[in-house]
Amino acid sequence: MNTTRIPREKGAVLLLALLLGACQQGASKDEEEKEDDAPTIPVETSTPSRGDIVAVYSGTASIEAFADAQVIAKVGGEVREIYVEEGDDATAGQILARLDGDRLRFEAQQAEANLLKLQRDFQRNLDLKERSLISAGDFEKIQYEMEALQATASLAKLELSYTEIRAPLDGVISQRYVKVGNTIDVNVPVFQVTSLEPLVSYLHVPEREYRRIEAGQTASIAVDALDGILFEGTVARISPVIDPLTGTFKITIEVSDASRRLKPGMFGRISIVYDRHENALQIPRNAIIQEAGEPAVFIVEGDIAHRRVVRTGYVEGSRIEILDGLEDSEQIVLVGQTGLKEGSKVSVINTDGEAPGAVTRNAPASD
């Protein structure tokens, strides 16, 4: 009986191949079982929103009065009356206080009397000159004396007027330094008048922002002392030079506050809007993950998460603009993305009770 014999070497190879095939089959089954047993990761999702988004430069500066004047006594004397107190409004030219001025009043009356006497003498000499009864030199001497007395009388009246201390500008009385009965000298401070309209902040901005900041741009000021209430302002002026020591340029922010809640000396957080993108695609900033230096998000298709690289734009508050890489209708992961990888199995659980992806669209930002 003829029996086909398989060489020993070939038999060994065949047996090894059968064993390897069985191992691979078992490994594939194990991998499939592991994939089936992979835990489902709970996530919260939403869809992108659209609305206006602005580019903002932010800085901090104190709030100051645009005009602030210290009122000083131009003549000495006793303070007889005070007509205003701290916190009172004042208009330019308003009398704030009055000094005694008795001596100056008598001096003014004396100068006026001397001037009237010399004017009568001048008139008589004018008649004599017309009749050529007085020399031209004598007449000119009397004329010069009269002009000098006129100046003296005017100066005496001016000195007397200084006994009425007046406000140099419109504003509010921020300081009163004297009391009734005080005797003061020349150049002694009497009041401080501060203009509250407008208020200003001087912000020093890095030179790299020079092309972005322009006069007329909108600014907002938040003050911690007023619980972060926002006050609208405007970029009024921009310095045309860069400080070589600091590498900054100065801009002046003007802000009006009819309610007078803002006070000079308060500390403000200033934001200047220098550009705006309308109807921009936006997502919450916390949806962005940074890997290998590139921003990305996870989107959900069915029950599988996929990593998507995106290109971002402006950031405003908790929102960030998406320029490329994302569509309006796609579901983005807001919570749970840090534990995800490409192809992770997810379960969408939105705690706000809304359907996955339901968000309120941003209304366009007002100017």
Protein backbone atom coordinates (compact mmCIF):
# COMPACT_ATOMS: atom_id res chain seq x y z
CA MET A 1 0.00 0.00 0.00
CA ASN A 2 1.47 3.31 -1.15
CA THR A 3 1.30 6.10 1.35
CA THR A 4 2.33 9.68 0.50
CA ARG A 5 4.81 10.82 3.04
CA ILE A 6 5.17 14.48 4.01
CA PRO A 7 8.73 15.46 4.69
CA ARG A 8 9.35 16.21 8.34
CA GLU A 9 10.43 19.82 7.66
CA LYS A 10 7.29 20.62 5.65
CA GLY A 11 5.09 19.13 8.33
CA ALA A 12 6.62 21.30 10.97
CA VAL A 13 6.05 24.43 8.89
CA LEU A 14 2.41 23.49 8.26
CA LEU A 15 1.80 22.89 11.94
CA LEU A 16 3.36 26.24 12.84
CA ALA A 17 1.16 28.08 10.32
CA LEU A 18 -1.97 26.45 11.73
CA LEU A 19 -0.98 27.46 15.25
CA LEU A 20 -0.26 31.08 14.21
CA GLY A 21 -3.60 31.36 12.44
CA ALA A 22 -5.41 30.11 15.50
CA CYS A 23 -3.56 32.63 17.71
CA GLN A 24 -4.37 35.53 15.39
CA GLN A 25 -8.01 34.48 15.30
CA GLY A 26 -8.07 34.43 19.08
CA ALA A 27 -6.37 37.83 19.35
CA SER A 28 -8.89 39.40 16.96
CA LYS A 29 -11.72 38.02 19.02
CA ASP A 30 -10.12 39.37 22.20
CA GLU A 31 -9.71 42.84 20.66
CA GLU A 32 -13.32 42.85 19.51
CA GLU A 33 -14.44 41.84 22.97
CA LYS A 34 -12.29 44.59 24.53
CA GLU A 35 -13.77 47.19 22.18
CA ASP A 36 -17.25 46.03 23.03
CA ASP A 37 -16.39 46.24 26.73
CA ALA A 38 -14.86 49.82 26.48
CA PRO A 39 -16.64 52.13 28.95
CA THR A 40 -19.01 54.79 27.59
CA ILE A 41 -17.92 58.28 28.63
CA PRO A 42 -20.71 60.71 29.63
CA VAL A 43 -20.40 64.15 28.02
CA GLU A 44 -22.38 67.35 27.63
CA THR A 45 -22.74 68.81 24.16
CA SER A 46 -24.03 71.84 22.36
CA THR A 47 -24.07 73.32 18.90
CA PRO A 48 -22.16 76.49 17.96
CA SER A 49 -23.96 79.83 18.03
CA ARG A 50 -23.74 82.86 15.79
CA GLY A 51 -23.59 86.53 16.71
CA ASP A 52 -21.36 89.59 16.66
CA ILE A 53 -18.04 89.28 18.45
CA VAL A 54 -15.61 92.08 19.16
CA ALA A 55 -11.86 92.35 19.60
CA VAL A 56 -10.98 94.14 22.81
CA TYR A 57 -7.84 95.63 24.32
CA SER A 58 -8.01 95.66 28.13
CA GLY A 59 -6.05 97.63 30.68
CA THR A 60 -6.33 99.30 34.06
CA ALA A 61 -6.07 102.94 35.07
CA SER A 62 -7.38 105.32 37.69
CA ILE A 63 -10.22 107.71 36.94
CA GLU A 64 -9.36 111.41 37.04
CA ALA A 65 -11.11 114.73 36.64
CA PHE A 66 -10.46 116.36 33.28
CA ALA A 67 -10.38 119.82 34.95
CA ASP A 68 -9.43 120.44 38.57
CA ALA A 69 -8.59 123.88 39.95
CA GLN A 70 -7.33 125.09 43.30
CA VAL A 71 -8.88 128.48 44.09
CA ILE A 72 -6.42 130.78 45.86
CA ALA A 73 -6.86 134.18 47.50
CA LYS A 74 -5.60 136.97 45.24
CA VAL A 75 -5.73 139.46 48.10
CA GLY A 76 -5.41 139.07 51.86
CA GLY A 77 -8.13 139.71 54.39
CA GLU A 78 -10.61 138.27 56.82
CA VAL A 79 -13.13 135.69 55.56
CA ARG A 80 -16.51 137.32 56.15
CA GLU A 81 -18.87 134.95 54.31
CA ILE A 82 -18.77 131.50 52.71
CA TYR A 83 -21.54 130.70 50.22
CA VAL A 84 -20.78 127.06 49.30
CA GLU A 85 -19.85 123.83 51.00
CA GLU A 86 -18.11 120.65 49.87
CA GLY A 87 -20.29 118.73 47.44
CA ASP A 88 -22.11 121.83 46.15
CA ASP A 89 -22.21 122.53 42.44
CA ALA A 90 -20.53 125.68 41.21
CA THR A 91 -20.53 127.52 37.89
CA ALA A 92 -17.69 129.54 36.43
CA GLY A 93 -17.75 133.06 37.90
CA GLN A 94 -19.96 132.16 40.86
CA ILE A 95 -19.02 133.87 44.16
CA LEU A 96 -17.80 131.22 46.61
CA ALA A 97 -16.70 133.44 49.53
CA ARG A 98 -16.15 137.10 50.43
CA LEU A 99 -13.31 138.82 52.29
CA ASP A 100 -13.67 142.02 54.31
CA GLY A 101 -12.03 144.40 51.75
CA ASP A 102 -12.64 147.61 53.74
CA ARG A 103 -9.13 148.95 53.17
CA LEU A 104 -9.26 148.17 49.46
CA ARG A 105 -12.64 149.84 49.18
CA PHE A 106 -11.29 153.07 50.67
CA GLU A 107 -8.23 152.93 48.41
CA ALA A 108 -10.48 152.54 45.38
CA GLN A 109 -12.62 155.50 46.47
CA GLN A 110 -9.50 157.62 47.01
CA ALA A 111 -8.12 156.73 43.58
CA GLU A 112 -11.48 157.54 41.99
CA ALA A 113 -11.62 160.95 43.74
CA ASN A 114 -8.06 161.83 42.67
CA LEU A 115 -8.91 160.83 39.12
CA LEU A 116 -12.04 163.05 39.05
CA LYS A 117 -10.04 166.04 40.33
CA LEU A 118 -7.35 165.55 37.69
CA GLN A 119 -9.94 165.09 34.95
CA ARG A 120 -11.43 168.51 35.82
CA ASP A 121 -7.92 170.02 35.76
CA PHE A 122 -7.28 168.36 32.42
CA GLN A 123 -10.49 169.80 30.98
CA ARG A 124 -9.53 173.34 32.06
CA ASN A 125 -6.04 172.92 30.57
CA LEU A 126 -7.59 171.62 27.38
CA ASP A 127 -9.50 174.91 27.04
CA LEU A 128 -6.29 176.85 27.70
CA LYS A 129 -4.41 174.83 25.11
CA GLU A 130 -7.05 175.57 22.49
CA ARG A 131 -6.52 179.25 23.20
CA SER A 132 -2.73 178.74 23.22
CA LEU A 133 -2.48 179.86 26.83
CA ILE A 134 -0.51 176.79 27.99
CA SER A 135 2.58 175.16 26.58
CA ALA A 136 2.37 171.81 24.87
CA GLY A 137 4.83 170.31 27.40
CA ASP A 138 2.72 171.27 30.42
CA PHE A 139 -0.40 169.97 28.77
CA GLU A 140 1.20 166.61 27.98
CA LYS A 141 2.42 166.33 31.57
CA ILE A 142 -1.13 166.73 32.89
CA GLN A 143 -2.38 164.23 30.30
CA TYR A 144 0.17 161.60 31.38
CA GLU A 145 -0.71 162.13 35.06
CA MET A 146 -4.39 161.61 34.27
CA GLU A 147 -3.67 158.37 32.39
CA ALA A 148 -1.57 157.12 35.31
CA LEU A 149 -4.36 157.91 37.77
CA GLN A 150 -6.83 156.10 35.51
CA ALA A 151 -4.64 153.00 35.70
CA THR A 152 -4.31 153.36 39.48
CA ALA A 153 -8.08 153.63 39.88
CA SER A 154 -8.63 150.60 37.65
CA LEU A 155 -6.09 148.60 39.65
CA ALA A 156 -7.78 149.58 42.92
CA LYS A 157 -11.15 148.41 41.56
CA LEU A 158 -9.59 145.13 40.42
CA GLU A 159 -8.02 144.54 43.85
CA LEU A 160 -11.39 145.23 45.47
CA SER A 161 -13.11 142.74 43.16
CA TYR A 162 -10.71 140.04 44.34
CA THR A 163 -12.34 140.16 47.77
CA GLU A 164 -15.15 138.19 46.10
CA ILE A 165 -13.61 134.76 45.56
CA ARG A 166 -15.12 133.21 42.44
CA ALA A 167 -15.17 129.75 40.85
CA PRO A 168 -12.78 129.50 37.86
CA LEU A 169 -14.76 126.70 36.16
CA ASP A 170 -17.95 124.66 36.26
CA GLY A 171 -17.73 121.80 38.70
CA VAL A 172 -18.30 120.68 42.26
CA ILE A 173 -16.66 121.96 45.44
CA SER A 174 -14.36 119.11 46.39
CA GLN A 175 -12.40 120.87 49.18
CA ARG A 176 -12.95 123.89 51.45
CA TYR A 177 -9.81 125.02 53.24
CA VAL A 178 -11.01 128.08 55.21
CA LYS A 179 -13.65 129.02 57.76
CA VAL A 180 -15.53 132.22 58.45
CA GLY A 181 -13.33 134.48 60.57
CA ASN A 182 -10.02 133.19 59.24
CA THR A 183 -7.54 135.88 58.21
CA ILE A 184 -5.72 134.74 55.10
CA ASP A 185 -2.82 136.02 53.05
CA VAL A 186 -2.34 136.30 49.32
CA ASN A 187 -1.98 132.94 47.47
CA VAL A 188 -3.51 130.89 50.31
CA PRO A 189 -5.71 128.02 48.99
CA VAL A 190 -9.39 128.59 49.72
CA PHE A 191 -11.33 125.98 47.70
CA GLN A 192 -10.80 123.09 45.31
CA VAL A 193 -13.21 122.95 42.37
CA THR A 194 -13.38 119.68 40.43
CA SER A 195 -15.13 119.18 37.12
CA LEU A 196 -16.94 115.84 36.90
CA GLU A 197 -17.92 116.19 33.26
CA PRO A 198 -16.20 114.49 31.64
CA LEU A 199 -14.05 112.17 33.68
CA VAL A 200 -10.92 110.79 32.06
CA SER A 201 -8.54 107.87 32.33
CA TYR A 202 -5.05 107.84 30.90
CA LEU A 203 -4.11 104.41 29.63
CA HIS A 204 -0.57 103.50 28.56
CA VAL A 205 -0.76 100.95 25.75
CA PRO A 206 2.06 98.82 24.26
CA GLU A 207 3.30 100.10 20.93
CA ARG A 208 2.26 96.89 19.12
CA GLU A 209 -1.36 98.05 19.56
CA TYR A 210 -0.76 101.45 17.95
CA ARG A 211 -2.41 100.61 14.62
CA ARG A 212 -5.44 99.08 16.29
CA ILE A 213 -6.40 101.94 18.62
CA GLU A 214 -8.06 104.96 17.05
CA ALA A 215 -9.79 108.08 18.35
CA GLY A 216 -13.54 107.62 18.53
CA GLN A 217 -13.48 103.91 19.39
CA THR A 218 -15.88 102.69 22.06
CA ALA A 219 -14.54 101.92 25.52
CA SER A 220 -16.17 100.53 28.64
CA ILE A 221 -15.03 101.04 32.21
CA ALA A 222 -15.82 98.68 35.07
CA VAL A 223 -15.15 99.82 38.64
CA ASP A 224 -14.72 97.24 41.39
CA ALA A 225 -16.05 99.66 43.99
CA LEU A 226 -19.36 99.81 42.09
CA ASP A 227 -19.73 96.01 41.73
CA GLY A 228 -18.36 96.02 38.20
CA ILE A 229 -21.06 98.26 36.67
CA LEU A 230 -20.06 99.17 33.11
CA PHE A 231 -19.81 102.81 32.05
CA GLU A 232 -19.55 103.73 28.38
CA GLY A 233 -16.64 105.88 27.26
CA THR A 234 -14.76 106.96 24.15
CA VAL A 235 -11.14 107.11 23.06
CA ALA A 236 -10.80 110.90 22.93
CA ARG A 237 -7.11 111.42 22.15
CA ILE A 238 -4.04 109.39 21.23
CA SER A 239 -0.51 110.57 21.86
CA PRO A 240 1.49 110.72 18.61
CA VAL A 241 4.72 109.55 20.27
CA ILE A 242 5.99 106.34 21.85
CA ASP A 243 7.75 106.54 25.19
CA PRO A 244 11.19 105.00 24.46
CA LEU A 245 11.65 103.95 28.10
CA THR A 246 8.42 101.98 28.45
CA GLY A 247 7.54 101.23 24.82
CA THR A 248 4.03 102.56 25.37
CA PHE A 249 1.87 105.40 24.09
CA LYS A 250 -0.77 107.30 26.06
CA ILE A 251 -4.44 107.35 25.17
CA THR A 252 -7.13 109.43 26.87
CA ILE A 253 -10.48 107.81 27.63
CA GLU A 254 -13.40 110.13 28.32
CA VAL A 255 -16.46 108.88 30.18
CA SER A 256 -19.64 110.71 31.17
CA ASP A 257 -21.71 109.73 34.19
CA ALA A 258 -24.82 111.80 34.78
CA SER A 259 -25.56 109.76 37.91
CA ARG A 260 -22.20 110.81 39.41
CA ARG A 261 -21.47 107.36 40.72
CA LEU A 262 -18.00 107.52 39.22
CA LYS A 263 -15.58 109.50 41.36
CA PRO A 264 -12.08 110.78 40.60
CA GLY A 265 -9.54 108.44 42.15
CA MET A 266 -11.52 105.24 41.57
CA PHE A 267 -9.70 102.31 39.94
CA GLY A 268 -11.15 101.25 36.59
CA ARG A 269 -10.80 98.24 34.31
CA ILE A 270 -10.91 99.57 30.77
CA SER A 271 -11.85 97.65 27.62
CA ILE A 272 -11.50 99.22 24.17
CA VAL A 273 -13.35 97.67 21.23
CA TYR A 274 -11.10 97.99 18.17
CA ASP A 275 -12.76 95.54 15.73
CA ARG A 276 -16.01 93.63 15.24
CA HIS A 277 -16.95 90.48 13.32
CA GLU A 278 -20.64 90.19 12.54
CA ASN A 279 -22.56 86.89 12.56
CA ALA A 280 -19.46 85.03 13.68
CA LEU A 281 -19.51 81.31 14.52
CA GLN A 282 -18.80 80.99 18.24
CA ILE A 283 -18.42 78.31 20.89
CA PRO A 284 -17.65 78.39 24.63
CA ARG A 285 -13.94 78.73 25.33
CA ASN A 286 -13.96 75.71 27.64
CA ALA A 287 -14.75 73.47 24.68
CA ILE A 288 -11.29 74.12 23.24
CA ILE A 289 -8.45 71.74 24.06
CA GLN A 290 -4.82 72.43 23.21
CA GLU A 291 -2.75 69.53 21.91
CA ALA A 292 0.62 69.86 20.20
CA GLY A 293 0.15 73.62 20.08
CA GLU A 294 -3.04 73.51 18.01
CA PRO A 295 -6.61 74.17 19.20
CA ALA A 296 -9.12 71.37 18.74
CA VAL A 297 -12.59 70.30 19.81
CA PHE A 298 -14.38 66.97 20.04
CA ILE A 299 -17.55 66.51 18.06
CA VAL A 300 -20.07 63.73 18.52
CA GLU A 301 -21.40 61.67 15.62
CA GLY A 302 -23.85 59.08 16.82
CA ASP A 303 -22.20 57.78 19.97
CA ILE A 304 -18.60 58.26 18.81
CA ALA A 305 -16.37 61.27 19.56
CA HIS A 306 -14.04 62.61 16.89
CA ARG A 307 -11.24 65.10 17.39
CA ARG A 308 -11.45 68.14 15.11
CA VAL A 309 -8.69 70.74 14.68
CA VAL A 310 -10.12 74.27 14.42
CA ARG A 311 -8.84 77.75 13.63
CA THR A 312 -9.84 80.36 16.18
CA GLY A 313 -10.38 84.11 16.00
CA TYR A 314 -11.43 86.74 18.50
CA VAL A 315 -12.16 85.97 22.14
CA GLU A 316 -14.85 87.84 24.04
CA GLY A 317 -15.59 86.84 27.60
CA SER A 318 -16.41 83.13 27.72
CA ARG A 319 -16.86 82.85 23.94
CA ILE A 320 -14.34 82.23 21.18
CA GLU A 321 -14.74 82.69 17.45
CA ILE A 322 -14.24 79.70 15.13
CA LEU A 323 -12.91 80.68 11.71
CA ASP A 324 -12.50 77.21 10.21
CA GLY A 325 -12.95 73.53 11.03
CA LEU A 326 -16.49 73.48 12.39
CA GLU A 327 -20.03 73.62 11.03
CA ASP A 328 -23.09 75.23 12.63
CA SER A 329 -25.00 71.97 13.10
CA GLU A 330 -22.22 69.86 14.59
CA GLN A 331 -22.38 68.69 18.19
CA ILE A 332 -19.39 69.86 20.20
CA VAL A 333 -18.40 68.45 23.57
CA LEU A 334 -18.51 71.05 26.35
CA VAL A 335 -17.94 68.85 29.40
CA GLY A 336 -15.92 65.63 29.51
CA GLN A 337 -13.65 66.28 26.55
CA THR A 338 -10.44 65.99 28.56
CA GLY A 339 -10.95 62.24 28.92
CA LEU A 340 -11.70 61.64 25.25
CA LYS A 341 -9.60 60.40 22.40
CA GLU A 342 -10.35 59.80 18.75
CA GLY A 343 -13.10 57.20 18.44
CA SER A 344 -14.12 57.19 22.10
CA LYS A 345 -17.64 55.95 22.77
CA VAL A 346 -19.74 58.61 24.48
CA SER A 347 -23.14 59.09 26.03
CA VAL A 348 -24.66 62.56 25.71
CA ILE A 349 -26.06 63.77 29.04
CA ASN A 350 -27.12 67.41 29.05
CA THR A 351 -27.90 68.65 32.56
CA ASP A 352 -29.90 71.69 31.45
CA GLY A 353 -32.83 69.56 30.37
CA GLU A 354 -32.59 70.68 26.76
CA ALA A 355 -32.11 68.46 23.82
CA PRO A 356 -28.49 67.93 22.85
CA GLY A 357 -27.25 70.87 20.86
CA ALA A 358 -30.01 73.28 21.86
CA VAL A 359 -28.52 76.69 22.69
CA THR A 360 -29.68 80.26 22.61
CA ARG A 361 -28.21 82.19 19.73
CA ASN A 362 -26.26 85.31 20.56
CA ALA A 363 -27.98 88.52 19.71
CA PRO A 364 -25.84 90.93 17.70
CA ALA A 365 -23.82 93.15 19.98
CA SER A 366 -25.06 96.72 20.09
CA ASP A 367 -22.80 99.60 19.19
